[in-house]
């Protein structure tokens, strides 16, 4: 999931380490778990947050209006995807119904990008949930924060875990479910992210692997990820094993 699962709050007596944690948390949440290079950091805004001349909420607004966010989620994505990610990144939940989505699409077209971003951050919901100095986080996994129960399922379609960046998916994940007011089935991620647990896995059946002169394994199974396949096959070949079959594990 790309989003934060717990609240981070900037307090008047927060240390420099805690302040840095808050800044990293804002980038992670609002930008959808990207890799942010030093040259892409908003250093002027960070400085203002550090000296408390702006609040966390205003820093969130600056990040959401940045070229980084605009290029990845407005310019590169369909309008529906842009709106559903705005809900996720700025309010920490999925859209509840078609009315919400349509309202924001119309606003984007009629009033522009900045007005769309402001509509989330200036909302009563944002103020009640996060106030001035709490970093937005994933509230959608708590059913109490969903006006309708289907919203609980929908959040899992948007937030696919800590290893996946939201910018990797440019098409809407909820257009059918929201339009038809139906539930979203919770399914495992289909993304292949090395080391994330979402990689495809394979079973290699080997016969006759010789590990030393006294020991011979008649039949052995190996479970490996796609990224480790080549290395495992090389190890099998070094032990004189014969690969009988390789099958994908569903």
Protein backbone atom coordinates (compact mmCIF):
# COMPACT_ATOMS: atom_id res chain seq x y z
CA UNK A 1 0.00 0.00 0.00
CA UNK A 2 1.22 3.13 -0.89
CA UNK A 3 -0.40 5.11 1.87
CA UNK A 4 0.36 5.52 5.55
CA UNK A 5 -1.49 3.22 7.92
CA UNK A 6 -1.12 5.35 11.06
CA UNK A 7 -1.17 9.03 11.91
CA UNK A 8 1.94 11.19 12.03
CA UNK A 9 1.52 14.51 13.82
CA UNK A 10 3.82 17.51 13.92
CA UNK A 11 3.85 18.94 17.44
CA UNK A 12 5.26 22.29 18.62
CA UNK A 13 8.10 20.48 20.40
CA UNK A 14 8.84 17.92 17.67
CA UNK A 15 12.55 17.16 17.27
CA UNK A 16 14.40 17.53 13.98
CA UNK A 17 14.26 13.74 13.54
CA UNK A 18 10.50 13.73 14.10
CA UNK A 19 10.12 16.61 11.66
CA UNK A 20 12.03 14.68 9.00
CA UNK A 21 9.76 11.68 9.63
CA UNK A 22 6.72 13.89 9.06
CA UNK A 23 8.15 15.26 5.82
CA UNK A 24 8.95 11.77 4.53
CA UNK A 25 5.45 10.68 5.55
CA UNK A 26 3.85 13.50 3.57
CA UNK A 27 5.82 12.64 0.44
CA UNK A 28 4.96 8.95 0.83
CA UNK A 29 1.24 9.56 1.37
CA UNK A 30 0.54 12.42 -1.01
CA UNK A 31 2.82 11.33 -3.84
CA UNK A 32 1.73 7.69 -3.70
CA UNK A 33 4.88 5.97 -2.41
CA UNK A 34 7.34 7.15 -5.07
CA UNK A 35 11.10 7.38 -5.02
CA UNK A 36 11.76 11.10 -4.51
CA UNK A 37 15.23 12.25 -5.52
CA UNK A 38 16.92 15.10 -3.69
CA UNK A 39 16.47 17.35 -6.70
CA UNK A 40 12.71 16.70 -6.60
CA UNK A 41 12.21 17.64 -2.96
CA UNK A 42 10.36 20.87 -2.26
CA UNK A 43 13.11 22.39 -0.16
CA UNK A 44 11.59 25.87 0.15
CA UNK A 45 8.33 24.44 1.46
CA UNK A 46 10.21 22.04 3.74
CA UNK A 47 12.09 25.01 5.22
CA UNK A 48 8.82 26.82 5.90
CA UNK A 49 7.42 23.75 7.62
CA UNK A 50 10.57 23.42 9.72
CA UNK A 51 10.28 26.97 11.02
CA UNK A 52 6.50 26.52 11.46
CA UNK A 53 5.58 29.32 9.05
CA UNK A 54 3.24 26.84 7.35
CA UNK A 55 1.26 23.93 8.76
CA UNK A 56 1.30 20.31 7.68
CA UNK A 57 -1.96 20.94 5.85
CA UNK A 58 -0.41 23.74 3.79
CA UNK A 59 2.63 21.59 3.04
CA UNK A 60 0.28 18.84 1.84
CA UNK A 61 -1.38 21.40 -0.44
CA UNK A 62 1.98 22.47 -1.90
CA UNK A 63 3.01 18.85 -2.53
CA UNK A 64 -0.32 18.03 -4.19
CA UNK A 65 0.01 21.07 -6.47
CA UNK A 66 3.64 20.32 -7.34
CA UNK A 67 4.83 19.41 -10.83
CA UNK A 68 5.76 15.98 -9.40
CA UNK A 69 2.13 15.22 -8.50
CA UNK A 70 0.61 16.93 -11.53
CA UNK A 71 2.83 15.09 -14.03
CA UNK A 72 2.19 11.65 -12.52
CA UNK A 73 -1.48 11.79 -11.65
CA UNK A 74 -3.11 14.53 -13.72
CA UNK A 75 -1.21 14.68 -16.99
CA UNK A 76 -0.51 10.94 -17.25
CA UNK A 77 -3.77 9.49 -15.92
CA UNK A 78 -7.38 9.42 -17.03
CA UNK A 79 -9.66 11.89 -15.16
CA UNK A 80 -11.36 9.10 -13.22
CA UNK A 81 -8.02 7.73 -12.01
CA UNK A 82 -6.88 11.24 -11.05
CA UNK A 83 -9.95 11.72 -8.87
CA UNK A 84 -9.84 8.33 -7.17
CA UNK A 85 -6.18 8.88 -6.29
CA UNK A 86 -6.93 12.35 -4.95
CA UNK A 87 -9.38 10.72 -2.55
CA UNK A 88 -6.76 8.16 -1.55
CA UNK A 89 -3.83 10.57 -1.19
CA UNK A 90 -5.62 13.54 0.38
CA UNK A 91 -8.54 12.05 2.33
CA UNK A 92 -7.18 8.55 2.93
CA UNK A 93 -10.20 6.73 1.55
CA UNK A 94 -11.82 5.58 -1.70
CA UNK A 95 -14.71 7.43 -3.37
CA UNK A 96 -18.05 6.45 -1.86
CA UNK A 97 -20.33 6.89 -4.86
CA UNK A 98 -20.69 8.21 -8.39
CA UNK A 99 -21.91 11.59 -7.15
CA UNK A 100 -18.59 12.23 -5.43
CA UNK A 101 -16.55 11.27 -8.48
CA UNK A 102 -18.70 13.25 -10.91
CA UNK A 103 -18.57 16.34 -8.70
CA UNK A 104 -14.79 16.33 -8.72
CA UNK A 105 -14.43 15.63 -12.43
CA UNK A 106 -16.77 18.53 -13.21
CA UNK A 107 -14.83 20.79 -10.86
CA UNK A 108 -11.54 19.87 -12.50
CA UNK A 109 -12.89 20.72 -15.95
CA UNK A 110 -14.77 23.88 -14.93
CA UNK A 111 -12.47 25.37 -12.31
CA UNK A 112 -9.08 23.81 -12.96
CA UNK A 113 -6.44 21.70 -11.29
CA UNK A 114 -5.75 23.91 -8.26
CA UNK A 115 -9.44 24.18 -7.38
CA UNK A 116 -9.76 20.40 -7.48
CA UNK A 117 -6.85 19.92 -5.08
CA UNK A 118 -8.13 22.68 -2.76
CA UNK A 119 -11.57 21.07 -2.58
CA UNK A 120 -10.17 18.11 -0.63
CA UNK A 121 -7.78 20.00 1.63
CA UNK A 122 -10.28 22.76 2.47
CA UNK A 123 -13.12 20.31 3.13
CA UNK A 124 -14.77 19.78 6.50
CA UNK A 125 -13.84 16.10 6.20
CA UNK A 126 -10.14 16.86 5.92
CA UNK A 127 -10.28 19.25 8.87
CA UNK A 128 -12.14 16.74 11.05
CA UNK A 129 -9.86 13.85 10.14
CA UNK A 130 -6.43 15.52 10.10
CA UNK A 131 -6.68 19.11 11.25
CA UNK A 132 -3.71 21.38 10.66
CA UNK A 133 -0.78 19.20 11.66
CA UNK A 134 -1.59 15.53 11.10
CA UNK A 135 -0.32 13.89 7.94
CA UNK A 136 -3.16 12.31 5.92
CA UNK A 137 -3.17 8.54 6.26
CA UNK A 138 -5.18 5.54 5.16
CA UNK A 139 -8.50 5.78 7.01
CA UNK A 140 -10.38 3.66 4.50
CA UNK A 141 -9.34 0.35 6.04
CA UNK A 142 -11.37 1.26 9.11
CA UNK A 143 -15.01 0.57 8.28
CA UNK A 144 -16.09 3.38 10.63
CA UNK A 145 -14.67 5.89 8.13
CA UNK A 146 -16.79 4.63 5.25
CA UNK A 147 -20.29 6.01 4.77
CA UNK A 148 -21.08 2.81 2.86
CA UNK A 149 -19.63 -0.62 3.54
CA UNK A 150 -18.51 -1.00 -0.08
CA UNK A 151 -15.96 1.75 0.57
CA UNK A 152 -14.09 -0.65 2.85
CA UNK A 153 -13.51 -3.07 -0.04
CA UNK A 154 -12.69 -0.35 -2.54
CA UNK A 155 -9.73 0.95 -0.56
CA UNK A 156 -7.92 -2.35 -1.16
CA UNK A 157 -8.28 -1.88 -4.92
CA UNK A 158 -6.48 1.48 -4.65
CA UNK A 159 -3.92 0.72 -1.97
CA UNK A 160 -1.89 -2.32 -3.04
CA UNK A 161 0.74 -2.24 -0.34
CA UNK A 162 4.05 -0.66 0.54
CA UNK A 163 6.01 -2.01 -2.43
CA UNK A 164 3.84 -0.53 -5.18
CA UNK A 165 3.90 3.07 -6.37
CA UNK A 166 0.53 4.51 -7.38
CA UNK A 167 2.02 6.03 -10.53
CA UNK A 168 2.61 2.50 -11.86
CA UNK A 169 -1.16 2.15 -12.45
CA UNK A 170 -2.67 4.79 -14.76
CA UNK A 171 -6.12 3.31 -15.36
CA UNK A 172 -9.05 3.58 -12.97
CA UNK A 173 -9.51 0.71 -10.52
CA UNK A 174 -13.04 1.59 -9.45
CA UNK A 175 -14.90 3.03 -12.43
CA UNK A 176 -17.31 0.08 -12.80
CA UNK A 177 -17.91 -0.50 -9.09
CA UNK A 178 -18.61 3.15 -8.32
CA UNK A 179 -20.80 3.66 -11.40
CA UNK A 180 -22.91 0.59 -10.56
CA UNK A 181 -22.74 1.05 -6.77
CA UNK A 182 -21.38 -2.46 -6.42
CA UNK A 183 -18.75 -4.01 -4.19
CA UNK A 184 -15.15 -4.49 -5.26
CA UNK A 185 -13.82 -8.00 -4.82
CA UNK A 186 -10.56 -8.03 -2.87
CA UNK A 187 -7.96 -9.79 -4.99
CA UNK A 188 -4.19 -10.21 -4.72
CA UNK A 189 -2.14 -7.67 -6.61
CA UNK A 190 -1.19 -8.69 -10.15
CA UNK A 191 1.80 -6.35 -10.19
CA UNK A 192 5.23 -7.96 -10.31
CA UNK A 193 7.35 -6.14 -7.74
CA UNK A 194 10.59 -7.88 -6.84
CA UNK A 195 10.79 -8.62 -3.13
CA UNK A 196 7.23 -7.46 -2.41
CA UNK A 197 5.51 -10.85 -2.22
CA UNK A 198 3.64 -10.12 -5.47
CA UNK A 199 6.16 -11.82 -7.78
CA UNK A 200 5.10 -14.91 -9.68
CA UNK A 201 6.36 -18.13 -8.08
CA UNK A 202 7.38 -21.38 -9.77
CA UNK A 203 7.87 -24.98 -8.66
CA UNK A 204 10.94 -26.72 -10.09
CA UNK A 205 10.90 -30.51 -9.87
CA UNK A 206 14.41 -32.00 -9.97
CA UNK A 207 15.60 -35.60 -10.06
CA UNK A 208 19.05 -37.02 -9.39
CA UNK A 209 20.70 -34.00 -7.73
CA UNK A 210 24.14 -35.10 -6.56
CA UNK A 211 25.44 -33.13 -3.58
CA UNK A 212 28.41 -35.39 -2.80
CA UNK A 213 29.63 -38.86 -3.69
CA UNK A 214 27.63 -40.56 -0.92
CA UNK A 215 24.36 -38.70 -1.24
CA UNK A 216 21.94 -38.59 -4.11
CA UNK A 217 18.46 -37.01 -3.91
CA UNK A 218 16.04 -38.91 -6.07
CA UNK A 219 13.46 -36.13 -6.27
CA UNK A 220 13.46 -32.57 -4.96
CA UNK A 221 11.08 -29.64 -5.31
CA UNK A 222 12.20 -26.00 -5.26
CA UNK A 223 9.82 -23.05 -4.89
CA UNK A 224 11.37 -19.90 -6.38
CA UNK A 225 10.30 -16.44 -7.49
CA UNK A 226 10.66 -15.34 -11.08
CA UNK A 227 13.62 -13.08 -10.26
CA UNK A 228 15.49 -15.99 -8.60
CA UNK A 229 14.77 -18.51 -11.33
CA UNK A 230 18.08 -18.25 -13.22
CA UNK A 231 20.24 -18.50 -10.09
CA UNK A 232 18.34 -21.57 -8.88
CA UNK A 233 18.65 -23.35 -12.23
CA UNK A 234 22.39 -22.68 -12.21
CA UNK A 235 22.68 -24.21 -8.72
CA UNK A 236 20.75 -27.28 -9.86
CA UNK A 237 23.02 -27.72 -12.87
CA UNK A 238 26.12 -27.52 -10.65
CA UNK A 239 24.81 -30.44 -8.56
CA UNK A 240 24.18 -32.61 -11.65
CA UNK A 241 20.45 -32.42 -11.14
CA UNK A 242 17.97 -32.99 -13.97
CA UNK A 243 15.05 -30.60 -14.19
CA UNK A 244 11.89 -32.61 -14.73
CA UNK A 245 9.42 -29.75 -14.87
CA UNK A 246 8.86 -26.07 -14.10
CA UNK A 247 5.29 -25.00 -13.29
CA UNK A 248 3.84 -21.71 -12.21
CA UNK A 249 2.14 -21.68 -8.80
CA UNK A 250 -1.28 -20.10 -8.98
